[in-house]
Protein backbone atom coordinates (compact mmCIF):
# COMPACT_ATOMS: atom_id res chain seq x y z
CA MET A 1 -27.40 -11.73 7.16
CA ALA A 2 -23.78 -10.94 7.92
CA PRO A 3 -22.23 -7.91 6.22
CA THR A 4 -19.94 -8.61 3.30
CA PRO A 5 -16.36 -8.11 4.41
CA ASP A 6 -14.31 -5.48 2.63
CA ILE A 7 -12.07 -7.64 0.46
CA ARG A 8 -9.56 -4.93 -0.36
CA PRO A 9 -6.74 -5.29 -0.94
CA VAL A 10 -7.04 -8.28 -3.22
CA GLY A 11 -3.64 -9.80 -3.91
CA ASP A 12 -1.45 -7.06 -5.30
CA LEU A 13 -4.28 -5.18 -7.01
CA PRO A 14 -4.19 -1.45 -6.24
CA ASN A 15 -6.76 -0.23 -3.70
CA GLU A 16 -7.51 2.72 -5.97
CA ILE A 17 -9.57 0.51 -8.31
CA GLY A 18 -12.35 0.57 -5.74
CA LYS A 19 -14.19 -1.97 -3.66
CA THR A 20 -16.67 -3.04 -6.35
CA ALA A 21 -14.04 -3.60 -9.04
CA ALA A 22 -11.81 -5.51 -6.61
CA ARG A 23 -14.70 -7.73 -5.53
CA GLU A 24 -15.85 -8.45 -9.09
CA LEU A 25 -12.34 -9.19 -10.33
CA SER A 26 -11.85 -11.57 -7.40
CA HIS A 27 -15.18 -13.29 -8.18
CA ASN A 28 -13.83 -13.84 -11.69
CA GLY A 29 -10.59 -15.40 -10.42
CA ILE A 30 -8.49 -12.30 -11.03
CA ASP A 31 -6.68 -11.59 -7.79
CA SER A 32 -3.25 -10.42 -8.93
CA LEU A 33 -1.67 -8.14 -11.51
CA GLN A 34 -0.24 -11.24 -13.19
CA LYS A 35 -3.78 -12.53 -13.72
CA VAL A 36 -4.92 -9.08 -14.91
CA SER A 37 -2.18 -9.26 -17.56
CA GLU A 38 -3.76 -12.44 -18.92
CA HIS A 39 -6.84 -10.44 -19.98
CA SER A 40 -7.45 -7.73 -22.57
CA THR A 41 -8.97 -4.41 -21.59
CA LYS A 42 -12.12 -5.44 -23.47
CA GLU A 43 -12.40 -8.62 -21.37
CA LEU A 44 -11.93 -6.67 -18.15
CA LEU A 45 -14.49 -4.02 -19.13
CA ALA A 46 -17.01 -6.80 -19.80
CA ILE A 47 -16.92 -7.67 -16.07
CA HIS A 48 -19.78 -5.94 -14.26
CA GLY A 49 -18.36 -3.35 -11.87
CA VAL A 50 -15.06 -2.89 -13.71
CA GLY A 51 -15.06 0.40 -15.58
CA PRO A 52 -12.64 2.55 -17.56
CA LYS A 53 -11.23 4.21 -14.42
CA ALA A 54 -10.36 0.86 -12.82
CA VAL A 55 -8.82 -0.40 -16.07
CA ALA A 56 -6.69 2.77 -16.35
CA ILE A 57 -5.46 2.31 -12.76
CA LEU A 58 -4.72 -1.35 -13.45
CA GLY A 59 -2.83 -0.34 -16.60
CA GLU A 60 -0.60 1.99 -14.60
CA ALA A 61 0.06 -0.74 -12.03
CA LEU A 62 0.86 -3.25 -14.77
CA THR A 63 3.32 -0.82 -16.40
CA ALA A 64 5.03 -0.25 -13.05
CA ARG A 65 5.57 -4.03 -12.82
CA GLY A 66 6.77 -4.40 -16.42
CA LEU A 67 3.51 -6.09 -17.44
CA ASP A 68 0.76 -5.22 -19.93
CA PHE A 69 -2.76 -6.26 -20.83
CA LYS A 70 -3.22 -9.21 -23.19
CA ALA A 71 -3.37 -8.08 -26.81
CA PRO A 72 -6.95 -8.03 -28.15
């Protein structure tokens, strides 16, 4: 079985979110900050492998781009 390639970076997602979070977001069709902004923090936290630290890092990246999470 071939090793799974390291998929970071995924789109414009920050590397700091970690390999697992990046992989799981990508598996869920979220491969850019624009797509992250289409989800609430609750939706993102429901994805296995995406925890509070990754969501906080994504929040900072969204703010830097003038974006925000979807309202709950």
